[in-house]
Amino acid sequence: MAKRHDVAIWLQDDWGRSVVDAKPGARPSRWVIQGVIVEEVGAGVWVSGDTIKEFRPLDDGSVKHVSWVFKSSQLLIPWSAILTIQAFDGGAKEFGFKAE
């Protein structure tokens, strides 16, 4: 059996909004689901998780973090909705990108 990795899957703005039924924003948000890839299928990946995080840009240049919870424990994410996938070998306590 393959080793399961914690992942952060970064999503297209329109797809993240459609999952949580959020109205369009003035500017695109960044969306991420943290969880475990359960299965890869032709259309995309099944992810086990329960929260989608939105990083909403504000007018002052800062970012507001919003956590959206969905009722299902698994979600099929189509390949076309995925911007990038980050994998974590030892578990992900913190995810995202940091300037050095």
PDB file of N, CA and C in Angstrom:
ATOM      1  N   MET A   1       0.846  -1.188   0.000  1.00  0.00           N
ATOM      2  CA  MET A   1       0.000   0.000   0.000  1.00  0.00           C
ATOM      3  C   MET A   1       0.891   1.251   0.000  1.00  0.00           C
ATOM      4  N   ALA A   2       0.538   2.202  -0.821  1.00  0.00           N
ATOM      5  CA  ALA A   2       1.322   3.435  -0.916  1.00  0.00           C
ATOM      6  C   ALA A   2       1.169   4.263   0.357  1.00  0.00           C
ATOM      7  N   LYS A   3       2.238   4.966   0.704  1.00  0.00           N
ATOM      8  CA  LYS A   3       2.213   5.848   1.863  1.00  0.00           C
ATOM      9  C   LYS A   3       1.281   7.025   1.585  1.00  0.00           C
ATOM     10  N   ARG A   4       0.437   7.349   2.543  1.00  0.00           N
ATOM     11  CA  ARG A   4      -0.486   8.474   2.391  1.00  0.00           C
ATOM     12  C   ARG A   4       0.187   9.741   2.902  1.00  0.00           C
ATOM     13  N   HIS A   5       0.025  10.809   2.162  1.00  0.00           N
ATOM     14  CA  HIS A   5       0.644  12.082   2.506  1.00  0.00           C
ATOM     15  C   HIS A   5      -0.427  13.121   2.819  1.00  0.00           C
ATOM     16  N   ASP A   6      -0.146  13.934   3.819  1.00  0.00           N
ATOM     17  CA  ASP A   6      -0.963  15.120   4.024  1.00  0.00           C
ATOM     18  C   ASP A   6      -0.668  16.061   2.872  1.00  0.00           C
ATOM     19  N   VAL A   7      -1.710  16.682   2.337  1.00  0.00           N
ATOM     20  CA  VAL A   7      -1.542  17.594   1.217  1.00  0.00           C
ATOM     21  C   VAL A   7      -2.309  18.880   1.458  1.00  0.00           C
ATOM     22  N   ALA A   8      -1.881  19.905   0.768  1.00  0.00           N
ATOM     23  CA  ALA A   8      -2.633  21.152   0.653  1.00  0.00           C
ATOM     24  C   ALA A   8      -2.875  21.332  -0.840  1.00  0.00           C
ATOM     25  N   ILE A   9      -4.144  21.364  -1.243  1.00  0.00           N
ATOM     26  CA  ILE A   9      -4.499  21.500  -2.646  1.00  0.00           C
ATOM     27  C   ILE A   9      -5.043  22.905  -2.862  1.00  0.00           C
ATOM     28  N   TRP A  10      -4.321  23.691  -3.665  1.00  0.00           N
ATOM     29  CA  TRP A  10      -4.686  25.078  -3.949  1.00  0.00           C
ATOM     30  C   TRP A  10      -5.598  25.103  -5.170  1.00  0.00           C
ATOM     31  N   LEU A  11      -6.703  25.834  -5.063  1.00  0.00           N
ATOM     32  CA  LEU A  11      -7.784  25.768  -6.043  1.00  0.00           C
ATOM     33  C   LEU A  11      -8.006  27.068  -6.797  1.00  0.00           C
ATOM     34  N   GLN A  12      -8.573  26.934  -7.994  1.00  0.00           N
ATOM     35  CA  GLN A  12      -9.028  28.087  -8.767  1.00  0.00           C
ATOM     36  C   GLN A  12     -10.112  28.814  -7.968  1.00  0.00           C
ATOM     37  N   ASP A  13     -10.165  30.122  -8.052  1.00  0.00           N
ATOM     38  CA  ASP A  13     -11.126  30.934  -7.302  1.00  0.00           C
ATOM     39  C   ASP A  13     -12.569  30.525  -7.589  1.00  0.00           C
ATOM     40  N   ASP A  14     -12.934  30.399  -8.842  1.00  0.00           N
ATOM     41  CA  ASP A  14     -14.330  30.089  -9.164  1.00  0.00           C
ATOM     42  C   ASP A  14     -14.752  28.730  -8.629  1.00  0.00           C
ATOM     43  N   TRP A  15     -13.850  27.759  -8.622  1.00  0.00           N
ATOM     44  CA  TRP A  15     -14.198  26.437  -8.123  1.00  0.00           C
ATOM     45  C   TRP A  15     -14.331  26.440  -6.599  1.00  0.00           C
ATOM     46  N   GLY A  16     -13.416  27.113  -5.908  1.00  0.00           N
ATOM     47  CA  GLY A  16     -13.526  27.219  -4.449  1.00  0.00           C
ATOM     48  C   GLY A  16     -14.845  27.868  -4.050  1.00  0.00           C
ATOM     49  N   ARG A  17     -15.227  28.926  -4.753  1.00  0.00           N
ATOM     50  CA  ARG A  17     -16.501  29.604  -4.465  1.00  0.00           C
ATOM     51  C   ARG A  17     -17.693  28.699  -4.723  1.00  0.00           C
ATOM     52  N   SER A  18     -17.628  27.880  -5.781  1.00  0.00           N
ATOM     53  CA  SER A  18     -18.760  27.012  -6.094  1.00  0.00           C
ATOM     54  C   SER A  18     -18.960  25.932  -5.030  1.00  0.00           C
ATOM     55  N   VAL A  19     -17.883  25.441  -4.437  1.00  0.00           N
ATOM     56  CA  VAL A  19     -17.995  24.407  -3.407  1.00  0.00           C
ATOM     57  C   VAL A  19     -18.707  24.939  -2.167  1.00  0.00           C
ATOM     58  N   VAL A  20     -18.388  26.161  -1.769  1.00  0.00           N
ATOM     59  CA  VAL A  20     -18.970  26.715  -0.539  1.00  0.00           C
ATOM     60  C   VAL A  20     -20.143  27.655  -0.816  1.00  0.00           C
ATOM     61  N   ASP A  21     -20.486  27.817  -2.092  1.00  0.00           N
ATOM     62  CA  ASP A  21     -21.587  28.682  -2.522  1.00  0.00           C
ATOM     63  C   ASP A  21     -21.348  30.135  -2.107  1.00  0.00           C
ATOM     64  N   ALA A  22     -20.117  30.601  -2.324  1.00  0.00           N
ATOM     65  CA  ALA A  22     -19.758  31.991  -2.011  1.00  0.00           C
ATOM     66  C   ALA A  22     -19.958  32.866  -3.241  1.00  0.00           C
ATOM     67  N   LYS A  23     -20.402  34.071  -3.015  1.00  0.00           N
ATOM     68  CA  LYS A  23     -20.603  35.033  -4.100  1.00  0.00           C
ATOM     69  C   LYS A  23     -19.247  35.509  -4.625  1.00  0.00           C
ATOM     70  N   PRO A  24     -19.194  35.918  -5.903  1.00  0.00           N
ATOM     71  CA  PRO A  24     -17.934  36.436  -6.450  1.00  0.00           C
ATOM     72  C   PRO A  24     -17.434  37.647  -5.659  1.00  0.00           C
ATOM     73  N   GLY A  25     -16.118  37.739  -5.491  1.00  0.00           N
ATOM     74  CA  GLY A  25     -15.516  38.861  -4.792  1.00  0.00           C
ATOM     75  C   GLY A  25     -15.014  39.905  -5.776  1.00  0.00           C
ATOM     76  N   ALA A  26     -14.624  41.049  -5.261  1.00  0.00           N
ATOM     77  CA  ALA A  26     -14.068  42.108  -6.105  1.00  0.00           C
ATOM     78  C   ALA A  26     -12.755  41.647  -6.734  1.00  0.00           C
ATOM     79  N   ARG A  27     -11.983  40.853  -5.984  1.00  0.00           N
ATOM     80  CA  ARG A  27     -10.737  40.272  -6.469  1.00  0.00           C
ATOM     81  C   ARG A  27     -10.748  38.775  -6.155  1.00  0.00           C
ATOM     82  N   PRO A  28     -10.029  37.979  -6.941  1.00  0.00           N
ATOM     83  CA  PRO A  28     -10.005  36.533  -6.672  1.00  0.00           C
ATOM     84  C   PRO A  28      -9.349  36.226  -5.332  1.00  0.00           C
ATOM     85  N   SER A  29      -9.915  35.256  -4.637  1.00  0.00           N
ATOM     86  CA  SER A  29      -9.326  34.740  -3.398  1.00  0.00           C
ATOM     87  C   SER A  29      -8.446  33.552  -3.734  1.00  0.00           C
ATOM     88  N   ARG A  30      -7.589  33.185  -2.784  1.00  0.00           N
ATOM     89  CA  ARG A  30      -6.836  31.936  -2.857  1.00  0.00           C
ATOM     90  C   ARG A  30      -7.591  30.934  -1.989  1.00  0.00           C
ATOM     91  N   TRP A  31      -7.736  29.711  -2.460  1.00  0.00           N
ATOM     92  CA  TRP A  31      -8.480  28.667  -1.766  1.00  0.00           C
ATOM     93  C   TRP A  31      -7.589  27.452  -1.592  1.00  0.00           C
ATOM     94  N   VAL A  32      -7.672  26.797  -0.436  1.00  0.00           N
ATOM     95  CA  VAL A  32      -6.869  25.604  -0.193  1.00  0.00           C
ATOM     96  C   VAL A  32      -7.671  24.607   0.652  1.00  0.00           C
ATOM     97  N   ILE A  33      -7.527  23.349   0.296  1.00  0.00           N
ATOM     98  CA  ILE A  33      -8.085  22.257   1.097  1.00  0.00           C
ATOM     99  C   ILE A  33      -6.900  21.483   1.650  1.00  0.00           C
ATOM    100  N   GLN A  34      -6.890  21.271   2.959  1.00  0.00           N
ATOM    101  CA  GLN A  34      -5.853  20.459   3.586  1.00  0.00           C
ATOM    102  C   GLN A  34      -6.470  19.117   3.934  1.00  0.00           C
ATOM    103  N   GLY A  35      -5.803  18.034   3.566  1.00  0.00           N
ATOM    104  CA  GLY A  35      -6.330  16.704   3.845  1.00  0.00           C
ATOM    105  C   GLY A  35      -5.410  15.637   3.307  1.00  0.00           C
ATOM    106  N   VAL A  36      -6.004  14.502   2.925  1.00  0.00           N
ATOM    107  CA  VAL A  36      -5.266  13.355   2.408  1.00  0.00           C
ATOM    108  C   VAL A  36      -5.903  12.941   1.088  1.00  0.00           C
ATOM    109  N   ILE A  37      -5.087  12.716   0.063  1.00  0.00           N
ATOM    110  CA  ILE A  37      -5.610  12.197  -1.194  1.00  0.00           C
ATOM    111  C   ILE A  37      -5.959  10.731  -0.977  1.00  0.00           C
ATOM    112  N   VAL A  38      -7.230  10.405  -1.166  1.00  0.00           N
ATOM    113  CA  VAL A  38      -7.722   9.047  -0.960  1.00  0.00           C
ATOM    114  C   VAL A  38      -7.550   8.215  -2.227  1.00  0.00           C
ATOM    115  N   GLU A  39      -7.859   8.853  -3.380  1.00  0.00           N
ATOM    116  CA  GLU A  39      -7.786   8.120  -4.643  1.00  0.00           C
ATOM    117  C   GLU A  39      -7.632   9.107  -5.794  1.00  0.00           C
ATOM    118  N   GLU A  40      -6.878   8.696  -6.788  1.00  0.00           N
ATOM    119  CA  GLU A  40      -6.753   9.466  -8.025  1.00  0.00           C
ATOM    120  C   GLU A  40      -7.597   8.768  -9.083  1.00  0.00           C
ATOM    121  N   VAL A  41      -8.464   9.535  -9.740  1.00  0.00           N
ATOM    122  CA  VAL A  41      -9.302   9.000 -10.810  1.00  0.00           C
ATOM    123  C   VAL A  41      -9.085   9.846 -12.055  1.00  0.00           C
ATOM    124  N   GLY A  42      -9.613   9.419 -13.184  1.00  0.00           N
ATOM    125  CA  GLY A  42      -9.404  10.135 -14.429  1.00  0.00           C
ATOM    126  C   GLY A  42      -9.814  11.592 -14.371  1.00  0.00           C
ATOM    127  N   ALA A  43     -10.898  11.894 -13.668  1.00  0.00           N
ATOM    128  CA  ALA A  43     -11.428  13.258 -13.612  1.00  0.00           C
ATOM    129  C   ALA A  43     -10.695  14.155 -12.625  1.00  0.00           C
ATOM    130  N   GLY A  44     -10.023  13.575 -11.619  1.00  0.00           N
ATOM    131  CA  GLY A  44      -9.362  14.380 -10.594  1.00  0.00           C
ATOM    132  C   GLY A  44      -8.906  13.530  -9.429  1.00  0.00           C
ATOM    133  N   VAL A  45      -8.972  14.100  -8.224  1.00  0.00           N
ATOM    134  CA  VAL A  45      -8.569  13.378  -7.013  1.00  0.00           C
ATOM    135  C   VAL A  45      -9.670  13.471  -5.955  1.00  0.00           C
ATOM    136  N   TRP A  46      -9.862  12.358  -5.243  1.00  0.00           N
ATOM    137  CA  TRP A  46     -10.735  12.350  -4.071  1.00  0.00           C
ATOM    138  C   TRP A  46      -9.874  12.730  -2.878  1.00  0.00           C
ATOM    139  N   VAL A  47     -10.317  13.734  -2.132  1.00  0.00           N
ATOM    140  CA  VAL A  47      -9.580  14.224  -0.969  1.00  0.00           C
ATOM    141  C   VAL A  47     -10.435  14.055   0.279  1.00  0.00           C
ATOM    142  N   SER A  48      -9.817  13.537   1.331  1.00  0.00           N
ATOM    143  CA  SER A  48     -10.470  13.438   2.628  1.00  0.00           C
ATOM    144  C   SER A  48     -10.068  14.659   3.446  1.00  0.00           C
ATOM    145  N   GLY A  49     -11.031  15.447   3.833  1.00  0.00           N
ATOM    146  CA  GLY A  49     -10.809  16.664   4.607  1.00  0.00           C
ATOM    147  C   GLY A  49     -12.167  17.247   4.955  1.00  0.00           C
ATOM    148  N   ASP A  50     -12.200  18.338   5.682  1.00  0.00           N
ATOM    149  CA  ASP A  50     -13.504  18.903   6.022  1.00  0.00           C
ATOM    150  C   ASP A  50     -13.533  20.423   5.994  1.00  0.00           C
ATOM    151  N   THR A  51     -12.408  21.035   5.638  1.00  0.00           N
ATOM    152  CA  THR A  51     -12.346  22.497   5.657  1.00  0.00           C
ATOM    153  C   THR A  51     -11.685  23.023   4.392  1.00  0.00           C
ATOM    154  N   ILE A  52     -12.264  24.070   3.838  1.00  0.00           N
ATOM    155  CA  ILE A  52     -11.638  24.820   2.760  1.00  0.00           C
ATOM    156  C   ILE A  52     -11.294  26.180   3.339  1.00  0.00           C
ATOM    157  N   LYS A  53     -10.051  26.590   3.202  1.00  0.00           N
ATOM    158  CA  LYS A  53      -9.631  27.901   3.703  1.00  0.00           C
ATOM    159  C   LYS A  53      -9.579  28.889   2.545  1.00  0.00           C
ATOM    160  N   GLU A  54     -10.144  30.057   2.794  1.00  0.00           N
ATOM    161  CA  GLU A  54     -10.126  31.137   1.815  1.00  0.00           C
ATOM    162  C   GLU A  54      -9.186  32.220   2.313  1.00  0.00           C
ATOM    163  N   PHE A  55      -8.306  32.673   1.448  1.00  0.00           N
ATOM    164  CA  PHE A  55      -7.413  33.791   1.739  1.00  0.00           C
ATOM    165  C   PHE A  55      -7.905  34.942   0.875  1.00  0.00           C
ATOM    166  N   ARG A  56      -8.700  35.822   1.490  1.00  0.00           N
ATOM    167  CA  ARG A  56      -9.412  36.893   0.787  1.00  0.00           C
ATOM    168  C   ARG A  56      -8.604  38.182   0.833  1.00  0.00           C
ATOM    169  N   PRO A  57      -8.204  38.736  -0.328  1.00  0.00           N
ATOM    170  CA  PRO A  57      -7.453  39.998  -0.333  1.00  0.00           C
ATOM    171  C   PRO A  57      -8.361  41.174   0.043  1.00  0.00           C
ATOM    172  N   LEU A  58      -7.848  42.060   0.877  1.00  0.00           N
ATOM    173  CA  LEU A  58      -8.601  43.233   1.306  1.00  0.00           C
ATOM    174  C   LEU A  58      -8.038  44.485   0.640  1.00  0.00           C
ATOM    175  N   ASP A  59      -8.803  45.557   0.677  1.00  0.00           N
ATOM    176  CA  ASP A  59      -8.404  46.804   0.019  1.00  0.00           C
ATOM    177  C   ASP A  59      -7.106  47.394   0.569  1.00  0.00           C
ATOM    178  N   ASP A  60      -6.801  47.147   1.851  1.00  0.00           N
ATOM    179  CA  ASP A  60      -5.597  47.719   2.449  1.00  0.00           C
ATOM    180  C   ASP A  60      -4.338  46.884   2.178  1.00  0.00           C
ATOM    181  N   GLY A  61      -4.479  45.823   1.358  1.00  0.00           N
ATOM    182  CA  GLY A  61      -3.331  44.985   1.026  1.00  0.00           C
ATOM    183  C   GLY A  61      -3.159  43.780   1.929  1.00  0.00           C
ATOM    184  N   SER A  62      -3.934  43.707   3.008  1.00  0.00           N
ATOM    185  CA  SER A  62      -3.848  42.557   3.900  1.00  0.00           C
ATOM    186  C   SER A  62      -4.745  41.430   3.373  1.00  0.00           C
ATOM    187  N   VAL A  63      -4.709  40.301   4.055  1.00  0.00           N
ATOM    188  CA  VAL A  63      -5.488  39.134   3.644  1.00  0.00           C
ATOM    189  C   VAL A  63      -6.313  38.656   4.826  1.00  0.00           C
ATOM    190  N   LYS A  64      -7.585  38.429   4.595  1.00  0.00           N
ATOM    191  CA  LYS A  64      -8.480  37.874   5.621  1.00  0.00           C
ATOM    192  C   LYS A  64      -8.567  36.369   5.410  1.00  0.00           C
ATOM    193  N   HIS A  65      -8.407  35.583   6.478  1.00  0.00           N
ATOM    194  CA  HIS A  65      -8.495  34.129   6.413  1.00  0.00           C
ATOM    195  C   HIS A  65      -9.896  33.714   6.844  1.00  0.00           C
ATOM    196  N   VAL A  66     -10.570  32.945   6.004  1.00  0.00           N
ATOM    197  CA  VAL A  66     -11.912  32.454   6.306  1.00  0.00           C
ATOM    198  C   VAL A  66     -11.894  30.941   6.148  1.00  0.00           C
ATOM    199  N   SER A  67     -12.400  30.208   7.142  1.00  0.00           N
ATOM    200  CA  SER A  67     -12.492  28.751   7.061  1.00  0.00           C
ATOM    201  C   SER A  67     -13.934  28.364   6.776  1.00  0.00           C
ATOM    202  N   TRP A  68     -14.130  27.593   5.723  1.00  0.00           N
ATOM    203  CA  TRP A  68     -15.439  27.080   5.344  1.00  0.00           C
ATOM    204  C   TRP A  68     -15.447  25.585   5.637  1.00  0.00           C
ATOM    205  N   VAL A  69     -16.488  25.084   6.278  1.00  0.00           N
ATOM    206  CA  VAL A  69     -16.603  23.673   6.614  1.00  0.00           C
ATOM    207  C   VAL A  69     -17.669  23.051   5.723  1.00  0.00           C
ATOM    208  N   PHE A  70     -17.371  21.881   5.164  1.00  0.00           N
ATOM    209  CA  PHE A  70     -18.383  21.175   4.384  1.00  0.00           C
ATOM    210  C   PHE A  70     -18.723  19.867   5.073  1.00  0.00           C
ATOM    211  N   LYS A  71     -19.935  19.369   4.840  1.00  0.00           N
ATOM    212  CA  LYS A  71     -20.465  18.236   5.599  1.00  0.00           C
ATOM    213  C   LYS A  71     -19.884  16.892   5.186  1.00  0.00           C
ATOM    214  N   SER A  72     -19.520  16.727   3.931  1.00  0.00           N
ATOM    215  CA  SER A  72     -18.986  15.455   3.454  1.00  0.00           C
ATOM    216  C   SER A  72     -17.537  15.298   3.909  1.00  0.00           C
ATOM    217  N   SER A  73     -17.128  14.058   4.164  1.00  0.00           N
ATOM    218  CA  SER A  73     -15.742  13.834   4.579  1.00  0.00           C
ATOM    219  C   SER A  73     -14.804  13.691   3.384  1.00  0.00           C
ATOM    220  N   GLN A  74     -15.357  13.532   2.164  1.00  0.00           N
ATOM    221  CA  GLN A  74     -14.527  13.430   0.970  1.00  0.00           C
ATOM    222  C   GLN A  74     -15.092  14.316  -0.123  1.00  0.00           C
ATOM    223  N   LEU A  75     -14.191  14.823  -0.948  1.00  0.00           N
ATOM    224  CA  LEU A  75     -14.568  15.737  -2.016  1.00  0.00           C
ATOM    225  C   LEU A  75     -13.773  15.379  -3.266  1.00  0.00           C
ATOM    226  N   LEU A  76     -14.470  15.278  -4.414  1.00  0.00           N
ATOM    227  CA  LEU A  76     -13.792  15.052  -5.685  1.00  0.00           C
ATOM    228  C   LEU A  76     -13.401  16.403  -6.258  1.00  0.00           C
ATOM    229  N   ILE A  77     -12.105  16.599  -6.457  1.00  0.00           N
ATOM    230  CA  ILE A  77     -11.605  17.854  -7.012  1.00  0.00           C
ATOM    231  C   ILE A  77     -11.133  17.576  -8.440  1.00  0.00           C
ATOM    232  N   PRO A  78     -11.764  18.194  -9.432  1.00  0.00           N
ATOM    233  CA  PRO A  78     -11.335  17.972 -10.814  1.00  0.00           C
ATOM    234  C   PRO A  78      -9.959  18.583 -11.071  1.00  0.00           C
ATOM    235  N   TRP A  79      -9.206  17.956 -11.974  1.00  0.00           N
ATOM    236  CA  TRP A  79      -7.864  18.445 -12.301  1.00  0.00           C
ATOM    237  C   TRP A  79      -7.903  19.908 -12.729  1.00  0.00           C
ATOM    238  N   SER A  80      -8.944  20.307 -13.453  1.00  0.00           N
ATOM    239  CA  SER A  80      -9.020  21.681 -13.965  1.00  0.00           C
ATOM    240  C   SER A  80      -9.181  22.722 -12.864  1.00  0.00           C
ATOM    241  N   ALA A  81      -9.577  22.301 -11.658  1.00  0.00           N
ATOM    242  CA  ALA A  81      -9.767  23.222 -10.536  1.00  0.00           C
ATOM    243  C   ALA A  81      -8.492  23.428  -9.726  1.00  0.00           C
ATOM    244  N   ILE A  82      -7.479  22.588  -9.946  1.00  0.00           N
ATOM    245  CA  ILE A  82      -6.267  22.581  -9.115  1.00  0.00           C
ATOM    246  C   ILE A  82      -5.192  23.496  -9.689  1.00  0.00           C
ATOM    247  N   LEU A  83      -4.709  24.423  -8.844  1.00  0.00           N
ATOM    248  CA  LEU A  83      -3.558  25.260  -9.210  1.00  0.00           C
ATOM    249  C   LEU A  83      -2.258  24.524  -8.926  1.00  0.00           C
ATOM    250  N   THR A  84      -2.146  23.948  -7.720  1.00  0.00           N
ATOM    251  CA  THR A  84      -0.953  23.201  -7.327  1.00  0.00           C
ATOM    252  C   THR A  84      -1.280  22.346  -6.109  1.00  0.00           C
ATOM    253  N   ILE A  85      -0.434  21.347  -5.851  1.00  0.00           N
ATOM    254  CA  ILE A  85      -0.593  20.475  -4.688  1.00  0.00           C
ATOM    255  C   ILE A  85       0.720  20.471  -3.923  1.00  0.00           C
ATOM    256  N   GLN A  86       0.642  20.732  -2.618  1.00  0.00           N
ATOM    257  CA  GLN A  86       1.804  20.620  -1.734  1.00  0.00           C
ATOM    258  C   GLN A  86       1.651  19.335  -0.934  1.00  0.00           C
ATOM    259  N   ALA A  87       2.708  18.524  -0.831  1.00  0.00           N
ATOM    260  CA  ALA A  87       2.681  17.296  -0.049  1.00  0.00           C
ATOM    261  C   ALA A  87       3.605  17.441   1.155  1.00  0.00           C
ATOM    262  N   PHE A  88       3.202  16.830   2.264  1.00  0.00           N
ATOM    263  CA  PHE A  88       3.953  16.909   3.516  1.00  0.00           C
ATOM    264  C   PHE A  88       4.208  15.494   4.026  1.00  0.00           C
ATOM    265  N   ASP A  89       5.477  15.134   4.227  1.00  0.00           N
ATOM    266  CA  ASP A  89       5.813  13.789   4.687  1.00  0.00           C
ATOM    267  C   ASP A  89       5.473  13.558   6.148  1.00  0.00           C
ATOM    268  N   GLY A  90       5.708  14.531   7.003  1.00  0.00           N
ATOM    269  CA  GLY A  90       5.534  14.328   8.431  1.00  0.00           C
ATOM    270  C   GLY A  90       4.276  14.933   8.996  1.00  0.00           C
ATOM    271  N   GLY A  91       3.317  15.247   8.182  1.00  0.00           N
ATOM    272  CA  GLY A  91       2.111  15.910   8.669  1.00  0.00           C
ATOM    273  C   GLY A  91       2.275  17.409   8.526  1.00  0.00           C
ATOM    274  N   ALA A  92       1.191  18.058   8.221  1.00  0.00           N
ATOM    275  CA  ALA A  92       1.238  19.494   7.953  1.00  0.00           C
ATOM    276  C   ALA A  92       0.619  20.265   9.109  1.00  0.00           C
ATOM    277  N   LYS A  93       1.443  20.907   9.900  1.00  0.00           N
ATOM    278  CA  LYS A  93       0.931  21.779  10.948  1.00  0.00           C
ATOM    279  C   LYS A  93       0.687  23.167  10.389  1.00  0.00           C
ATOM    280  N   GLU A  94       1.493  23.538   9.399  1.00  0.00           N
ATOM    281  CA  GLU A  94       1.372  24.855   8.776  1.00  0.00           C
ATOM    282  C   GLU A  94       1.618  24.664   7.284  1.00  0.00           C
ATOM    283  N   PHE A  95       0.827  25.331   6.479  1.00  0.00           N
ATOM    284  CA  PHE A  95       1.019  25.203   5.050  1.00  0.00           C
ATOM    285  C   PHE A  95       0.991  26.585   4.416  1.00  0.00           C
ATOM    286  N   GLY A  96       1.425  26.644   3.169  1.00  0.00           N
ATOM    287  CA  GLY A  96       1.474  27.918   2.458  1.00  0.00           C
ATOM    288  C   GLY A  96       2.891  28.215   2.012  1.00  0.00           C
ATOM    289  N   PHE A  97       3.097  29.421   1.613  1.00  0.00           N
ATOM    290  CA  PHE A  97       4.399  29.826   1.102  1.00  0.00           C
ATOM    291  C   PHE A  97       4.937  30.950   1.964  1.00  0.00           C
ATOM    292  N   LYS A  98       6.237  30.921   2.237  1.00  0.00           N
ATOM    293  CA  LYS A  98       6.866  31.938   3.073  1.00  0.00           C
ATOM    294  C   LYS A  98       8.025  32.574   2.314  1.00  0.00           C
ATOM    295  N   ALA A  99       8.136  33.866   2.417  1.00  0.00           N
ATOM    296  CA  ALA A  99       9.281  34.564   1.812  1.00  0.00           C
ATOM    297  C   ALA A  99      10.497  34.345   2.692  1.00  0.00           C
ATOM    298  N   GLU A 100      11.650  34.190   2.065  1.00  0.00           N
ATOM    299  CA  GLU A 100      12.879  34.014   2.845  1.00  0.00           C
ATOM    300  C   GLU A 100      13.698  35.284   2.795  1.00  0.00           C
TER     301      GLU A 100
END
